[in-house]
C-alpha atoms as a PDB file:
ATOM      1  CA  MET A   1      -5.410 -11.714   7.004  1.00  0.00           C
ATOM      2  CA  TRP A   2      -2.686  -9.087   6.730  1.00  0.00           C
ATOM      3  CA  ASP A   3      -0.614  -8.921   9.900  1.00  0.00           C
ATOM      4  CA  ALA A   4       1.360  -5.727  10.652  1.00  0.00           C
ATOM      5  CA  LYS A   5       3.687  -7.632  13.014  1.00  0.00           C
ATOM      6  CA  SER A   6       4.809  -9.925  10.198  1.00  0.00           C
ATOM      7  CA  SER A   7       5.372  -6.993   7.903  1.00  0.00           C
ATOM      8  CA  ALA A   8       8.905  -5.966   7.062  1.00  0.00           C
ATOM      9  CA  PHE A   9       7.888  -2.463   8.229  1.00  0.00           C
ATOM     10  CA  GLY A  10       6.987  -3.486  11.849  1.00  0.00           C
ATOM     11  CA  ASP A  11       3.996  -2.664  14.018  1.00  0.00           C
ATOM     12  CA  LEU A  12       1.410  -0.382  12.403  1.00  0.00           C
ATOM     13  CA  ALA A  13       3.913   1.000   9.947  1.00  0.00           C
ATOM     14  CA  TRP A  14       1.341   0.467   7.220  1.00  0.00           C
ATOM     15  CA  PHE A  15      -0.569   3.389   8.673  1.00  0.00           C
ATOM     16  CA  LYS A  16       2.529   5.647   8.167  1.00  0.00           C
ATOM     17  CA  LEU A  17       2.564   4.673   4.467  1.00  0.00           C
ATOM     18  CA  ALA A  18      -0.574   6.806   3.973  1.00  0.00           C
ATOM     19  CA  GLU A  19       1.165  10.010   5.166  1.00  0.00           C
ATOM     20  CA  PRO A  20       1.491  12.633   2.372  1.00  0.00           C
ATOM     21  CA  ASP A  21       5.231  13.045   2.864  1.00  0.00           C
ATOM     22  CA  THR A  22       5.738   9.311   2.476  1.00  0.00           C
ATOM     23  CA  ALA A  23       3.670   9.215  -0.694  1.00  0.00           C
ATOM     24  CA  VAL A  24       5.555  12.145  -2.187  1.00  0.00           C
ATOM     25  CA  ALA A  25       8.936  10.583  -1.305  1.00  0.00           C
ATOM     26  CA  TYR A  26       7.898   7.288  -2.877  1.00  0.00           C
ATOM     27  CA  ALA A  27       6.729   8.983  -6.044  1.00  0.00           C
ATOM     28  CA  GLU A  28       9.901  11.043  -6.386  1.00  0.00           C
ATOM     29  CA  HIS A  29      12.150   8.077  -5.623  1.00  0.00           C
ATOM     30  CA  CYS A  30      10.390   5.567  -7.874  1.00  0.00           C
ATOM     31  CA  GLU A  31       8.994   7.679 -10.669  1.00  0.00           C
ATOM     32  CA  GLN A  32      11.974   7.182 -12.949  1.00  0.00           C
ATOM     33  CA  LEU A  33      12.013   3.409 -12.289  1.00  0.00           C
ATOM     34  CA  TRP A  34       8.292   3.062 -13.123  1.00  0.00           C
ATOM     35  CA  CYS A  35       8.609   5.291 -16.194  1.00  0.00           C
ATOM     36  CA  THR A  36      11.504   3.365 -17.622  1.00  0.00           C
ATOM     37  CA  THR A  37      10.455  -0.185 -16.761  1.00  0.00           C
ATOM     38  CA  PRO A  38       8.703  -1.881 -19.689  1.00  0.00           C
ATOM     39  CA  HIS A  39       5.188  -3.005 -18.922  1.00  0.00           C
ATOM     40  CA  ALA A  40       5.164  -1.452 -15.419  1.00  0.00           C
ATOM     41  CA  VAL A  41       1.831   0.207 -15.866  1.00  0.00           C
ATOM     42  CA  ALA A  42       0.328  -2.940 -17.384  1.00  0.00           C
ATOM     43  CA  TYR A  43       1.563  -4.860 -14.326  1.00  0.00           C
ATOM     44  CA  LEU A  44      -0.094  -2.356 -11.981  1.00  0.00           C
ATOM     45  CA  HIS A  45      -3.325  -2.627 -13.918  1.00  0.00           C
ATOM     46  CA  TRP A  46      -3.171  -6.366 -13.485  1.00  0.00           C
ATOM     47  CA  LEU A  47      -2.170  -6.266  -9.809  1.00  0.00           C
ATOM     48  CA  HIS A  48      -4.697  -3.693  -8.590  1.00  0.00           C
ATOM     49  CA  PRO A  49      -7.838  -5.838  -9.031  1.00  0.00           C
ATOM     50  CA  TYR A  50      -6.094  -9.145  -8.174  1.00  0.00           C
ATOM     51  CA  PRO A  51      -8.327 -10.938  -5.598  1.00  0.00           C
ATOM     52  CA  LYS A  52      -5.645 -11.392  -2.876  1.00  0.00           C
ATOM     53  CA  VAL A  53      -4.580  -7.797  -3.193  1.00  0.00           C
ATOM     54  CA  MET A  54      -8.198  -6.604  -3.061  1.00  0.00           C
ATOM     55  CA  ARG A  55      -8.782  -8.681   0.077  1.00  0.00           C
ATOM     56  CA  GLU A  56      -5.660  -7.307   1.768  1.00  0.00           C
ATOM     57  CA  ARG A  57      -6.578  -3.781   0.827  1.00  0.00           C
ATOM     58  CA  SER A  58     -10.094  -4.194   2.246  1.00  0.00           C
ATOM     59  CA  GLU A  59      -8.629  -5.502   5.490  1.00  0.00           C
ATOM     60  CA  ILE A  60      -6.288  -2.505   5.756  1.00  0.00           C
ATOM     61  CA  PHE A  61      -9.169  -0.126   5.083  1.00  0.00           C
ATOM     62  CA  ALA A  62     -11.214  -1.884   7.811  1.00  0.00           C
ATOM     63  CA  MET A  63      -8.377  -1.390  10.282  1.00  0.00           C
ATOM     64  CA  LYS A  64      -7.981   2.246   9.345  1.00  0.00           C
ATOM     65  CA  GLU A  65     -11.724   2.841   9.737  1.00  0.00           C
ATOM     66  CA  ALA A  66     -11.696   1.144  13.157  1.00  0.00           C
ATOM     67  CA  LEU A  67      -8.827   3.403  14.224  1.00  0.00           C
ATOM     68  CA  ALA A  68     -10.662   6.469  12.921  1.00  0.00           C
ATOM     69  CA  LEU A  69     -13.841   5.499  14.796  1.00  0.00           C
ATOM     70  CA  GLY A  70     -11.882   4.837  17.964  1.00  0.00           C
ATOM     71  CA  ALA A  71     -12.833   1.157  18.154  1.00  0.00           C
END
C-alpha cells in the first residue's frame, strides 16, 4: 500500500499534486523534457496500465474518495 509518510513529499502531499496550479507548473516545467526525450510517450503508455501503478493509483483514489466523503 502507498504510504504518504514514506513519500519524498511528506504527509498528504500527494493530495496537493492534484491542484490545478501544480499540474500547470508541472506541465510547463516538464513539457520540453517530455517532448524532446525519445520514447517518452511510449514509456508512459507502458507505465500507465502497469499493475503496480494501477494498484497504487486505485489506493490513492480510495483515499481521496474517503476524504471527500468525510470518512
